[in-house]
Amino acid sequence: MRKLKTSRQPEILDAALAIADERGLDALSMRAVAQRVGVTPMALYGYFRNKDELLDGLVGRLLTELAPAGPGGSWQERLTAVAQATRRVAREHPSVFPLLLFRSSVTPDGVRVVDAIYQALLEAGVPEAEVPRVERLVSTFVLGFAVSEVNGRFSGTSNASRARRGGEDAPAHRRLAEHLTVDDWDAEFAADLADLMRIIRPV
């Protein structure tokens, strides 16, 4: 077994992410990560004291992929970039992505993502007192859509299936039957973002 160098925390997190991607979060353990990195489990504890800290590190690792590259572009473009990056990360790491909903993060990367959203909302003209609330509205929608898409809650036929099974107890489903099948989730996500932009700064 080799010793970890002081700068090996990113290597540990990459190994943990790979294990979770391949086998799910239930397979993630300090021992499994140590084996993947090629060290003893004790060698990891100088970086992460337990699995909870490792999971918090994974949240930070995912957030590095959400932070915008720079301040350029309009506020709408910057919010859209963060939203699209969030959806992409959910597709790439479906087992780990739900952690973003269930675990808070005060890592520098987490702060940077939220601060970028704050800046965009301020530029949009949202009153300062309302910015934190509107950020939560935007973030909750984006995270919820992304996790629903990758965990199977959304499907092209889910609403139509409910309409068929509901019988007389689903009159609204029957009325809307021709509109219930979604063929293009990209278009729906874009339309939802456009609705949010209008809420943020009505035309």
N, C-alpha and C. Protein backbone atom coordinates (compact mmCIF):
# COMPACT_ATOMS: atom_id res chain seq x y z
N MET A 1 0.84 -1.19 0.00
CA MET A 1 0.00 0.00 0.00
C MET A 1 0.88 1.25 0.00
N ARG A 2 0.49 2.26 -0.79
CA ARG A 2 1.28 3.48 -0.82
C ARG A 2 0.68 4.54 0.10
N LYS A 3 1.47 5.52 0.47
CA LYS A 3 1.01 6.61 1.30
C LYS A 3 0.40 7.70 0.43
N LEU A 4 -0.60 8.38 1.00
CA LEU A 4 -1.21 9.50 0.29
C LEU A 4 -0.39 10.76 0.49
N LYS A 5 -0.21 11.51 -0.56
CA LYS A 5 0.43 12.80 -0.43
C LYS A 5 -0.58 13.82 0.05
N THR A 6 -0.09 14.98 0.50
CA THR A 6 -0.97 15.97 1.11
C THR A 6 -2.01 16.50 0.15
N SER A 7 -1.78 16.44 -1.13
CA SER A 7 -2.71 17.00 -2.11
C SER A 7 -3.63 15.94 -2.71
N ARG A 8 -3.82 14.83 -2.05
CA ARG A 8 -4.57 13.72 -2.65
C ARG A 8 -6.06 13.74 -2.34
N GLN A 9 -6.57 14.77 -1.68
CA GLN A 9 -8.00 14.80 -1.40
C GLN A 9 -8.83 14.73 -2.69
N PRO A 10 -8.48 15.45 -3.77
CA PRO A 10 -9.25 15.30 -5.01
C PRO A 10 -9.24 13.86 -5.53
N GLU A 11 -8.13 13.16 -5.36
CA GLU A 11 -8.06 11.77 -5.81
C GLU A 11 -9.03 10.90 -5.02
N ILE A 12 -9.12 11.15 -3.72
CA ILE A 12 -10.05 10.39 -2.88
C ILE A 12 -11.49 10.62 -3.33
N LEU A 13 -11.83 11.88 -3.56
CA LEU A 13 -13.20 12.21 -3.96
C LEU A 13 -13.51 11.64 -5.34
N ASP A 14 -12.55 11.68 -6.25
CA ASP A 14 -12.78 11.08 -7.57
C ASP A 14 -13.01 9.58 -7.45
N ALA A 15 -12.28 8.93 -6.57
CA ALA A 15 -12.46 7.50 -6.36
C ALA A 15 -13.83 7.20 -5.76
N ALA A 16 -14.23 8.01 -4.78
CA ALA A 16 -15.55 7.83 -4.15
C ALA A 16 -16.65 8.04 -5.18
N LEU A 17 -16.49 9.06 -6.02
CA LEU A 17 -17.51 9.33 -7.04
C LEU A 17 -17.59 8.18 -8.04
N ALA A 18 -16.46 7.62 -8.41
CA ALA A 18 -16.45 6.50 -9.36
C ALA A 18 -17.16 5.29 -8.78
N ILE A 19 -16.91 5.01 -7.50
CA ILE A 19 -17.57 3.86 -6.86
C ILE A 19 -19.07 4.06 -6.84
N ALA A 20 -19.51 5.26 -6.44
CA ALA A 20 -20.95 5.54 -6.36
C ALA A 20 -21.59 5.49 -7.75
N ASP A 21 -20.90 5.99 -8.76
CA ASP A 21 -21.43 5.93 -10.11
C ASP A 21 -21.59 4.49 -10.59
N GLU A 22 -20.62 3.66 -10.23
CA GLU A 22 -20.63 2.28 -10.72
C GLU A 22 -21.58 1.38 -9.94
N ARG A 23 -21.63 1.58 -8.60
CA ARG A 23 -22.35 0.62 -7.76
C ARG A 23 -23.38 1.23 -6.83
N GLY A 24 -23.54 2.55 -6.86
CA GLY A 24 -24.51 3.21 -6.00
C GLY A 24 -23.92 3.64 -4.66
N LEU A 25 -24.62 4.53 -3.97
CA LEU A 25 -24.13 5.07 -2.71
C LEU A 25 -24.00 4.01 -1.62
N ASP A 26 -24.85 2.97 -1.67
CA ASP A 26 -24.78 1.92 -0.65
C ASP A 26 -23.44 1.20 -0.68
N ALA A 27 -22.80 1.18 -1.83
CA ALA A 27 -21.50 0.49 -1.95
C ALA A 27 -20.34 1.37 -1.52
N LEU A 28 -20.63 2.62 -1.22
CA LEU A 28 -19.55 3.56 -0.87
C LEU A 28 -19.18 3.42 0.60
N SER A 29 -17.92 3.14 0.87
CA SER A 29 -17.41 3.03 2.23
C SER A 29 -15.96 3.49 2.24
N MET A 30 -15.46 3.79 3.44
CA MET A 30 -14.07 4.20 3.55
C MET A 30 -13.15 3.08 3.06
N ARG A 31 -13.51 1.85 3.37
CA ARG A 31 -12.69 0.71 2.94
C ARG A 31 -12.67 0.59 1.41
N ALA A 32 -13.86 0.77 0.79
CA ALA A 32 -13.93 0.65 -0.67
C ALA A 32 -13.12 1.75 -1.35
N VAL A 33 -13.19 2.95 -0.79
CA VAL A 33 -12.44 4.07 -1.37
C VAL A 33 -10.94 3.83 -1.20
N ALA A 34 -10.54 3.39 -0.01
CA ALA A 34 -9.12 3.13 0.23
C ALA A 34 -8.59 2.08 -0.74
N GLN A 35 -9.39 1.04 -0.97
CA GLN A 35 -8.97 0.00 -1.90
C GLN A 35 -8.83 0.55 -3.31
N ARG A 36 -9.76 1.43 -3.71
CA ARG A 36 -9.70 2.02 -5.06
C ARG A 36 -8.46 2.91 -5.22
N VAL A 37 -8.13 3.66 -4.15
CA VAL A 37 -6.98 4.56 -4.21
C VAL A 37 -5.68 3.79 -4.04
N GLY A 38 -5.74 2.65 -3.35
CA GLY A 38 -4.54 1.85 -3.14
C GLY A 38 -3.81 2.15 -1.85
N VAL A 39 -4.59 2.47 -0.79
CA VAL A 39 -4.00 2.74 0.52
C VAL A 39 -4.80 1.99 1.58
N THR A 40 -4.34 2.02 2.82
CA THR A 40 -5.12 1.44 3.92
C THR A 40 -6.24 2.39 4.29
N PRO A 41 -7.35 1.87 4.82
CA PRO A 41 -8.44 2.75 5.25
C PRO A 41 -7.99 3.83 6.23
N MET A 42 -7.06 3.50 7.13
CA MET A 42 -6.59 4.49 8.10
C MET A 42 -5.96 5.69 7.43
N ALA A 43 -5.40 5.50 6.23
CA ALA A 43 -4.75 6.61 5.54
C ALA A 43 -5.75 7.68 5.10
N LEU A 44 -7.03 7.31 5.01
CA LEU A 44 -8.04 8.28 4.57
C LEU A 44 -8.50 9.21 5.68
N TYR A 45 -8.31 8.77 6.94
CA TYR A 45 -8.93 9.52 8.03
C TYR A 45 -8.28 10.87 8.30
N GLY A 46 -7.11 11.11 7.74
CA GLY A 46 -6.54 12.44 7.84
C GLY A 46 -7.22 13.43 6.91
N TYR A 47 -8.01 12.91 5.97
CA TYR A 47 -8.73 13.74 5.02
C TYR A 47 -10.22 13.82 5.35
N PHE A 48 -10.80 12.68 5.69
CA PHE A 48 -12.22 12.59 6.03
C PHE A 48 -12.35 11.70 7.26
N ARG A 49 -12.92 12.24 8.32
CA ARG A 49 -12.98 11.49 9.58
C ARG A 49 -13.97 10.34 9.54
N ASN A 50 -14.95 10.42 8.65
CA ASN A 50 -15.96 9.37 8.57
C ASN A 50 -16.69 9.48 7.22
N LYS A 51 -17.66 8.60 7.02
CA LYS A 51 -18.36 8.60 5.74
C LYS A 51 -19.18 9.87 5.55
N ASP A 52 -19.73 10.43 6.63
CA ASP A 52 -20.49 11.67 6.50
C ASP A 52 -19.63 12.78 5.91
N GLU A 53 -18.41 12.89 6.39
CA GLU A 53 -17.52 13.92 5.84
C GLU A 53 -17.17 13.62 4.38
N LEU A 54 -17.07 12.35 4.06
CA LEU A 54 -16.80 11.97 2.67
C LEU A 54 -17.98 12.37 1.78
N LEU A 55 -19.20 12.15 2.26
CA LEU A 55 -20.37 12.54 1.49
C LEU A 55 -20.44 14.05 1.31
N ASP A 56 -20.10 14.79 2.37
CA ASP A 56 -20.05 16.25 2.24
C ASP A 56 -19.01 16.66 1.21
N GLY A 57 -17.90 15.94 1.18
CA GLY A 57 -16.88 16.21 0.18
C GLY A 57 -17.38 15.95 -1.23
N LEU A 58 -18.21 14.92 -1.39
CA LEU A 58 -18.78 14.62 -2.71
C LEU A 58 -19.72 15.73 -3.16
N VAL A 59 -20.49 16.28 -2.21
CA VAL A 59 -21.35 17.41 -2.55
C VAL A 59 -20.51 18.56 -3.10
N GLY A 60 -19.42 18.86 -2.40
CA GLY A 60 -18.53 19.91 -2.88
C GLY A 60 -17.94 19.58 -4.24
N ARG A 61 -17.62 18.30 -4.44
CA ARG A 61 -17.05 17.85 -5.72
C ARG A 61 -18.03 18.08 -6.86
N LEU A 62 -19.31 17.78 -6.65
CA LEU A 62 -20.30 18.02 -7.69
C LEU A 62 -20.50 19.51 -7.94
N LEU A 63 -20.46 20.29 -6.86
CA LEU A 63 -20.70 21.71 -7.01
C LEU A 63 -19.62 22.39 -7.84
N THR A 64 -18.42 21.81 -7.86
CA THR A 64 -17.37 22.40 -8.70
C THR A 64 -17.78 22.39 -10.17
N GLU A 65 -18.66 21.47 -10.55
CA GLU A 65 -19.09 21.37 -11.94
C GLU A 65 -20.26 22.29 -12.26
N LEU A 66 -20.84 22.90 -11.22
CA LEU A 66 -21.99 23.78 -11.43
C LEU A 66 -21.60 25.24 -11.48
N ALA A 67 -20.49 25.59 -10.86
CA ALA A 67 -20.09 26.99 -10.78
C ALA A 67 -19.81 27.53 -12.18
N PRO A 68 -20.35 28.70 -12.51
CA PRO A 68 -20.10 29.27 -13.84
C PRO A 68 -18.63 29.58 -14.04
N ALA A 69 -18.19 29.47 -15.28
CA ALA A 69 -16.77 29.67 -15.58
C ALA A 69 -16.33 31.10 -15.36
N GLY A 70 -17.23 32.06 -15.56
CA GLY A 70 -16.85 33.46 -15.41
C GLY A 70 -18.08 34.33 -15.32
N PRO A 71 -17.89 35.64 -15.15
CA PRO A 71 -19.02 36.54 -14.96
C PRO A 71 -19.67 37.02 -16.25
N GLY A 72 -19.17 36.60 -17.40
CA GLY A 72 -19.67 37.10 -18.67
C GLY A 72 -21.09 36.65 -18.97
N GLY A 73 -21.76 37.40 -19.86
CA GLY A 73 -23.11 37.06 -20.28
C GLY A 73 -24.16 37.78 -19.46
N SER A 74 -25.38 37.78 -19.96
CA SER A 74 -26.49 38.40 -19.24
C SER A 74 -26.87 37.57 -18.02
N TRP A 75 -27.69 38.16 -17.16
CA TRP A 75 -28.11 37.41 -15.97
C TRP A 75 -28.92 36.18 -16.38
N GLN A 76 -29.72 36.31 -17.45
CA GLN A 76 -30.49 35.14 -17.91
C GLN A 76 -29.56 34.03 -18.40
N GLU A 77 -28.52 34.42 -19.13
CA GLU A 77 -27.58 33.42 -19.65
C GLU A 77 -26.83 32.74 -18.52
N ARG A 78 -26.47 33.48 -17.49
CA ARG A 78 -25.72 32.88 -16.39
C ARG A 78 -26.60 31.93 -15.59
N LEU A 79 -27.85 32.32 -15.33
CA LEU A 79 -28.76 31.41 -14.61
C LEU A 79 -29.03 30.16 -15.45
N THR A 80 -29.21 30.33 -16.73
CA THR A 80 -29.46 29.19 -17.61
C THR A 80 -28.26 28.26 -17.63
N ALA A 81 -27.05 28.81 -17.64
CA ALA A 81 -25.84 27.98 -17.65
C ALA A 81 -25.74 27.13 -16.40
N VAL A 82 -26.04 27.72 -15.23
CA VAL A 82 -26.03 26.95 -13.98
C VAL A 82 -27.09 25.87 -14.02
N ALA A 83 -28.29 26.22 -14.50
CA ALA A 83 -29.38 25.25 -14.56
C ALA A 83 -29.04 24.09 -15.49
N GLN A 84 -28.49 24.38 -16.65
CA GLN A 84 -28.14 23.32 -17.59
C GLN A 84 -27.00 22.46 -17.06
N ALA A 85 -26.04 23.08 -16.37
CA ALA A 85 -24.95 22.30 -15.78
C ALA A 85 -25.49 21.37 -14.70
N THR A 86 -26.46 21.84 -13.93
CA THR A 86 -27.06 21.01 -12.89
C THR A 86 -27.72 19.78 -13.48
N ARG A 87 -28.46 19.98 -14.55
CA ARG A 87 -29.13 18.86 -15.21
C ARG A 87 -28.12 17.88 -15.80
N ARG A 88 -27.05 18.41 -16.37
CA ARG A 88 -26.00 17.54 -16.93
C ARG A 88 -25.34 16.70 -15.84
N VAL A 89 -25.01 17.32 -14.70
CA VAL A 89 -24.39 16.60 -13.60
C VAL A 89 -25.33 15.51 -13.08
N ALA A 90 -26.61 15.80 -13.02
CA ALA A 90 -27.58 14.78 -12.58
C ALA A 90 -27.56 13.57 -13.49
N ARG A 91 -27.46 13.81 -14.78
CA ARG A 91 -27.43 12.70 -15.74
C ARG A 91 -26.13 11.90 -15.64
N GLU A 92 -25.03 12.61 -15.37
CA GLU A 92 -23.74 11.93 -15.31
C GLU A 92 -23.53 11.18 -14.00
N HIS A 93 -24.14 11.66 -12.92
CA HIS A 93 -23.94 11.06 -11.59
C HIS A 93 -25.28 10.86 -10.88
N PRO A 94 -26.18 10.04 -11.44
CA PRO A 94 -27.53 9.93 -10.88
C PRO A 94 -27.59 9.38 -9.46
N SER A 95 -26.62 8.54 -9.08
CA SER A 95 -26.63 7.98 -7.73
C SER A 95 -26.23 9.00 -6.68
N VAL A 96 -25.32 9.89 -7.04
CA VAL A 96 -24.76 10.85 -6.09
C VAL A 96 -25.54 12.16 -6.09
N PHE A 97 -26.13 12.51 -7.22
CA PHE A 97 -26.76 13.82 -7.35
C PHE A 97 -27.79 14.14 -6.27
N PRO A 98 -28.63 13.18 -5.81
CA PRO A 98 -29.61 13.52 -4.77
C PRO A 98 -29.00 14.10 -3.50
N LEU A 99 -27.70 13.87 -3.28
CA LEU A 99 -27.06 14.46 -2.10
C LEU A 99 -27.17 15.98 -2.10
N LEU A 100 -27.24 16.58 -3.29
CA LEU A 100 -27.35 18.04 -3.37
C LEU A 100 -28.67 18.53 -2.78
N LEU A 101 -29.68 17.67 -2.77
CA LEU A 101 -30.96 18.03 -2.18
C LEU A 101 -31.00 17.79 -0.68
N PHE A 102 -30.23 16.81 -0.22
CA PHE A 102 -30.38 16.36 1.16
C PHE A 102 -29.27 16.81 2.09
N ARG A 103 -28.17 17.33 1.54
CA ARG A 103 -27.05 17.75 2.38
C ARG A 103 -26.68 19.18 2.04
N SER A 104 -26.58 20.01 3.06
CA SER A 104 -26.17 21.40 2.83
C SER A 104 -24.67 21.44 2.59
N SER A 105 -24.23 22.51 1.94
CA SER A 105 -22.80 22.65 1.67
C SER A 105 -22.36 24.09 1.90
N VAL A 106 -21.31 24.23 2.70
CA VAL A 106 -20.72 25.56 2.90
C VAL A 106 -19.28 25.55 2.39
N THR A 107 -19.01 24.67 1.45
CA THR A 107 -17.68 24.63 0.84
C THR A 107 -17.50 25.87 -0.03
N PRO A 108 -16.26 26.25 -0.32
CA PRO A 108 -16.04 27.41 -1.21
C PRO A 108 -16.76 27.28 -2.54
N ASP A 109 -16.82 26.06 -3.10
CA ASP A 109 -17.50 25.88 -4.38
C ASP A 109 -19.00 26.08 -4.23
N GLY A 110 -19.56 25.59 -3.12
CA GLY A 110 -20.98 25.79 -2.88
C GLY A 110 -21.33 27.25 -2.73
N VAL A 111 -20.50 27.97 -1.99
CA VAL A 111 -20.72 29.41 -1.81
C VAL A 111 -20.61 30.13 -3.15
N ARG A 112 -19.66 29.70 -3.99
CA ARG A 112 -19.45 30.36 -5.28
C ARG A 112 -20.66 30.19 -6.19
N VAL A 113 -21.28 28.99 -6.20
CA VAL A 113 -22.46 28.76 -7.03
C VAL A 113 -23.61 29.66 -6.58
N VAL A 114 -23.87 29.66 -5.27
CA VAL A 114 -24.98 30.46 -4.77
C VAL A 114 -24.71 31.95 -4.98
N ASP A 115 -23.46 32.36 -4.78
CA ASP A 115 -23.14 33.78 -4.97
C ASP A 115 -23.36 34.20 -6.42
N ALA A 116 -23.05 33.31 -7.36
CA ALA A 116 -23.27 33.62 -8.78
C ALA A 116 -24.77 33.81 -9.05
N ILE A 117 -25.59 33.00 -8.41
CA ILE A 117 -27.04 33.15 -8.57
C ILE A 117 -27.50 34.45 -7.93
N TYR A 118 -26.99 34.74 -6.73
CA TYR A 118 -27.32 36.01 -6.08
C TYR A 118 -26.99 37.19 -7.00
N GLN A 119 -25.79 37.17 -7.59
CA GLN A 119 -25.37 38.26 -8.45
C GLN A 119 -26.30 38.42 -9.65
N ALA A 120 -26.70 37.30 -10.24
CA ALA A 120 -27.61 37.35 -11.39
C ALA A 120 -28.96 37.93 -10.98
N LEU A 121 -29.46 37.54 -9.82
CA LEU A 121 -30.75 38.04 -9.35
C LEU A 121 -30.70 39.53 -9.04
N LEU A 122 -29.59 39.97 -8.45
CA LEU A 122 -29.43 41.40 -8.19
C LEU A 122 -29.41 42.18 -9.50
N GLU A 123 -28.71 41.63 -10.50
CA GLU A 123 -28.65 42.28 -11.80
C GLU A 123 -30.02 42.32 -12.46
N ALA A 124 -30.84 41.31 -12.17
CA ALA A 124 -32.19 41.27 -12.74
C ALA A 124 -33.12 42.28 -12.09
N GLY A 125 -32.68 42.88 -10.99
CA GLY A 125 -33.51 43.87 -10.32
C GLY A 125 -34.31 43.34 -9.16
N VAL A 126 -34.03 42.12 -8.72
CA VAL A 126 -34.73 41.58 -7.56
C VAL A 126 -34.30 42.38 -6.32
N PRO A 127 -35.25 42.86 -5.51
CA PRO A 127 -34.88 43.59 -4.30
C PRO A 127 -33.98 42.75 -3.39
N GLU A 128 -33.02 43.38 -2.77
CA GLU A 128 -32.04 42.65 -1.97
C GLU A 128 -32.69 41.73 -0.94
N ALA A 129 -33.74 42.20 -0.29
CA ALA A 129 -34.39 41.40 0.75
C ALA A 129 -35.04 40.14 0.19
N GLU A 130 -35.33 40.16 -1.13
CA GLU A 130 -36.01 39.02 -1.76
C GLU A 130 -35.05 38.05 -2.43
N VAL A 131 -33.80 38.44 -2.59
CA VAL A 131 -32.84 37.60 -3.34
C VAL A 131 -32.69 36.21 -2.74
N PRO A 132 -32.49 36.05 -1.41
CA PRO A 132 -32.34 34.68 -0.89
C PRO A 132 -33.56 33.80 -1.14
N ARG A 133 -34.76 34.37 -1.02
CA ARG A 133 -35.98 33.58 -1.25
C ARG A 133 -36.08 33.16 -2.71
N VAL A 134 -35.79 34.09 -3.63
CA VAL A 134 -35.89 33.77 -5.05
C VAL A 134 -34.81 32.76 -5.44
N GLU A 135 -33.63 32.88 -4.84
CA GLU A 135 -32.59 31.87 -5.10
C GLU A 135 -33.07 30.48 -4.70
N ARG A 136 -33.73 30.38 -3.55
CA ARG A 136 -34.25 29.07 -3.12
C ARG A 136 -35.31 28.57 -4.08
N LEU A 137 -36.13 29.47 -4.59
CA LEU A 137 -37.15 29.09 -5.57
C LEU A 137 -36.51 28.51 -6.83
N VAL A 138 -35.51 29.21 -7.35
CA VAL A 138 -34.84 28.77 -8.58
C VAL A 138 -34.10 27.45 -8.33
N SER A 139 -33.32 27.39 -7.25
CA SER A 139 -32.51 26.20 -6.98
C SER A 139 -33.38 24.98 -6.73
N THR A 140 -34.49 25.17 -6.00
CA THR A 140 -35.36 24.03 -5.71
C THR A 140 -36.00 23.50 -6.98
N PHE A 141 -36.42 24.40 -7.88
CA PHE A 141 -36.97 23.93 -9.16
C PHE A 141 -35.93 23.15 -9.95
N VAL A 142 -34.73 23.73 -10.11
CA VAL A 142 -33.71 23.10 -10.96
C VAL A 142 -33.29 21.75 -10.38
N LEU A 143 -33.00 21.71 -9.08
CA LEU A 143 -32.60 20.45 -8.46
C LEU A 143 -33.72 19.42 -8.53
N GLY A 144 -34.96 19.87 -8.25
CA GLY A 144 -36.09 18.94 -8.27
C GLY A 144 -36.35 18.37 -9.64
N PHE A 145 -36.28 19.21 -10.67
CA PHE A 145 -36.48 18.72 -12.04
C PHE A 145 -35.41 17.71 -12.40
N ALA A 146 -34.17 18.07 -12.10
CA ALA A 146 -33.05 17.19 -12.49
C ALA A 146 -33.13 15.84 -11.79
N VAL A 147 -33.40 15.84 -10.48
CA VAL A 147 -33.43 14.56 -9.77
C VAL A 147 -34.66 13.75 -10.16
N SER A 148 -35.77 14.41 -10.46
CA SER A 148 -36.98 13.69 -10.90
C SER A 148 -36.75 13.03 -12.25
N GLU A 149 -35.99 13.71 -13.09
CA GLU A 149 -35.72 13.17 -14.42
C GLU A 149 -34.85 11.92 -14.36
N VAL A 150 -33.82 11.93 -13.48
CA VAL A 150 -32.90 10.80 -13.47
C VAL A 150 -33.36 9.65 -12.59
N ASN A 151 -34.26 9.91 -11.64
CA ASN A 151 -34.68 8.81 -10.76
C ASN A 151 -35.94 8.12 -11.26
N GLY A 152 -36.46 8.54 -12.42
CA GLY A 152 -37.59 7.85 -13.02
C GLY A 152 -38.94 8.43 -12.70
N ARG A 153 -38.99 9.48 -11.86
CA ARG A 153 -40.29 10.08 -11.55
C ARG A 153 -40.92 10.67 -12.81
N PHE A 154 -40.10 11.28 -13.64
CA PHE A 154 -40.59 11.77 -14.93
C PHE A 154 -40.43 10.66 -15.96
N SER A 155 -41.43 10.47 -16.75
CA SER A 155 -41.31 9.59 -17.91
C SER A 155 -42.31 10.07 -18.94
N GLY A 156 -42.08 9.69 -20.16
CA GLY A 156 -42.93 10.18 -21.22
C GLY A 156 -44.36 9.71 -21.13
N THR A 157 -44.63 8.65 -20.36
CA THR A 157 -45.98 8.09 -20.33
C THR A 157 -46.58 8.07 -18.93
N SER A 158 -45.91 8.65 -17.92
CA SER A 158 -46.41 8.51 -16.55
C SER A 158 -47.79 9.13 -16.37
N ASN A 159 -47.99 10.35 -16.89
CA ASN A 159 -49.29 11.00 -16.75
C ASN A 159 -50.36 10.25 -17.54
N ALA A 160 -50.00 9.80 -18.74
CA ALA A 160 -50.96 9.05 -19.55
C ALA A 160 -51.36 7.75 -18.86
N SER A 161 -50.41 7.10 -18.18
CA SER A 161 -50.71 5.86 -17.47
C SER A 161 -51.69 6.13 -16.34
N ARG A 162 -51.50 7.24 -15.62
CA ARG A 162 -52.44 7.57 -14.55
C ARG A 162 -53.83 7.82 -15.12
N ALA A 163 -53.90 8.42 -16.29
CA ALA A 163 -55.20 8.69 -16.91
C ALA A 163 -55.92 7.38 -17.22
N ARG A 164 -55.17 6.39 -17.71
CA ARG A 164 -55.79 5.11 -18.05
C ARG A 164 -56.25 4.37 -16.82
N ARG A 165 -55.50 4.49 -15.73
CA ARG A 165 -55.82 3.74 -14.52
C ARG A 165 -56.84 4.45 -13.63
N GLY A 166 -56.99 5.75 -13.83
CA GLY A 166 -57.84 6.51 -12.93
C GLY A 166 -59.32 6.29 -13.13
N GLY A 167 -59.73 5.94 -14.35
CA GLY A 167 -61.14 5.72 -14.62
C GLY A 167 -61.98 6.95 -14.31
N GLU A 168 -63.10 6.73 -13.66
CA GLU A 168 -64.03 7.82 -13.35
C GLU A 168 -63.47 8.76 -12.29
N ASP A 169 -62.44 8.33 -11.57
CA ASP A 169 -61.88 9.17 -10.52
C ASP A 169 -60.83 10.16 -11.04
N ALA A 170 -60.59 10.19 -12.34
CA ALA A 170 -59.58 11.10 -12.90
C ALA A 170 -60.15 11.89 -14.07
N PRO A 171 -61.20 12.68 -13.83
CA PRO A 171 -61.82 13.40 -14.95
C PRO A 171 -60.89 14.42 -15.59
N ALA A 172 -60.04 15.08 -14.80
CA ALA A 172 -59.12 16.07 -15.39
C ALA A 172 -58.09 15.37 -16.27
N HIS A 173 -57.64 14.18 -15.84
CA HIS A 173 -56.71 13.42 -16.67
C HIS A 173 -57.35 13.07 -18.01
N ARG A 174 -58.61 12.65 -17.99
CA ARG A 174 -59.27 12.29 -19.24
C ARG A 174 -59.40 13.51 -20.15
N ARG A 175 -59.72 14.65 -19.54
CA ARG A 175 -59.86 15.87 -20.34
C ARG A 175 -58.54 16.28 -20.99
N LEU A 176 -57.45 16.05 -20.28
CA LEU A 176 -56.13 16.48 -20.76
C LEU A 176 -55.36 15.37 -21.48
N ALA A 177 -56.00 14.26 -21.77
CA ALA A 177 -55.31 13.06 -22.25
C ALA A 177 -54.35 13.33 -23.40
N GLU A 178 -54.75 14.15 -24.36
CA GLU A 178 -53.91 14.38 -25.54
C GLU A 178 -52.67 15.21 -25.23
N HIS A 179 -52.63 15.82 -24.04
CA HIS A 179 -51.50 16.67 -23.68
C HIS A 179 -50.57 16.05 -22.64
N LEU A 180 -50.85 14.84 -22.20
CA LEU A 180 -50.15 14.30 -21.04
C LEU A 180 -48.82 13.61 -21.37
N THR A 181 -48.65 13.17 -22.58
CA THR A 181 -47.41 12.50 -22.95
C THR A 181 -46.35 13.53 -23.32
N VAL A 182 -45.21 13.49 -22.63
CA VAL A 182 -44.12 14.43 -22.89
C VAL A 182 -43.08 13.75 -23.77
N ASP A 183 -42.81 14.33 -24.91
CA ASP A 183 -41.84 13.77 -25.85
C ASP A 183 -40.48 14.46 -25.79
N ASP A 184 -40.45 15.66 -25.23
CA ASP A 184 -39.22 16.45 -25.28
C ASP A 184 -38.99 17.13 -23.93
N TRP A 185 -38.21 16.47 -23.07
CA TRP A 185 -37.94 17.04 -21.75
C TRP A 185 -37.02 18.25 -21.83
N ASP A 186 -36.18 18.30 -22.86
CA ASP A 186 -35.33 19.48 -23.05
C ASP A 186 -36.20 20.72 -23.28
N ALA A 187 -37.21 20.57 -24.11
CA ALA A 187 -38.10 21.70 -24.40
C ALA A 187 -38.89 22.10 -23.16
N GLU A 188 -39.33 21.11 -22.38
CA GLU A 188 -40.08 21.44 -21.17
C GLU A 188 -39.20 22.17 -20.16
N PHE A 189 -37.97 21.72 -20.02
CA PHE A 189 -37.05 22.37 -19.08
C PHE A 189 -36.80 23.81 -19.52
N ALA A 190 -36.59 24.03 -20.82
CA ALA A 190 -36.37 25.37 -21.33
C ALA A 190 -37.59 26.26 -21.10
N ALA A 191 -38.78 25.70 -21.30
CA ALA A 191 -40.01 26.47 -21.08
C ALA A 191 -40.18 26.82 -19.61
N ASP A 192 -39.85 25.89 -18.74
CA ASP A 192 -39.94 26.15 -17.30
C ASP A 192 -38.96 27.25 -16.88
N LEU A 193 -37.74 27.19 -17.42
CA LEU A 193 -36.77 28.24 -17.12
C LEU A 193 -37.26 29.60 -17.61
N ALA A 194 -37.87 29.63 -18.79
CA ALA A 194 -38.40 30.89 -19.32
C ALA A 194 -39.49 31.43 -18.40
N ASP A 195 -40.33 30.55 -17.89
CA ASP A 195 -41.36 30.98 -16.93
C ASP A 195 -40.73 31.58 -15.68
N LEU A 196 -39.67 30.92 -15.20
CA LEU A 196 -38.99 31.44 -14.01
C LEU A 196 -38.38 32.82 -14.28
N MET A 197 -37.81 33.00 -15.46
CA MET A 197 -37.22 34.30 -15.80
C MET A 197 -38.28 35.39 -15.76
N ARG A 198 -39.48 35.06 -16.24
CA ARG A 198 -40.56 36.07 -16.21
C ARG A 198 -41.01 36.37 -14.80
N ILE A 199 -40.95 35.36 -13.92
CA ILE A 199 -41.28 35.60 -12.52
C ILE A 199 -40.24 36.50 -11.88
N ILE A 200 -38.97 36.23 -12.22
CA ILE A 200 -37.88 37.01 -11.63
C ILE A 200 -37.96 38.47 -12.07
N ARG A 201 -38.16 38.70 -13.36
CA ARG A 201 -38.30 40.07 -13.84
C ARG A 201 -39.39 40.09 -14.90
N PRO A 202 -40.64 40.37 -14.50
CA PRO A 202 -41.76 40.36 -15.45
C PRO A 202 -41.53 41.35 -16.58
N VAL A 203 -41.92 40.95 -17.78
CA VAL A 203 -41.78 41.82 -18.96
C VAL A 203 -42.82 42.94 -18.88
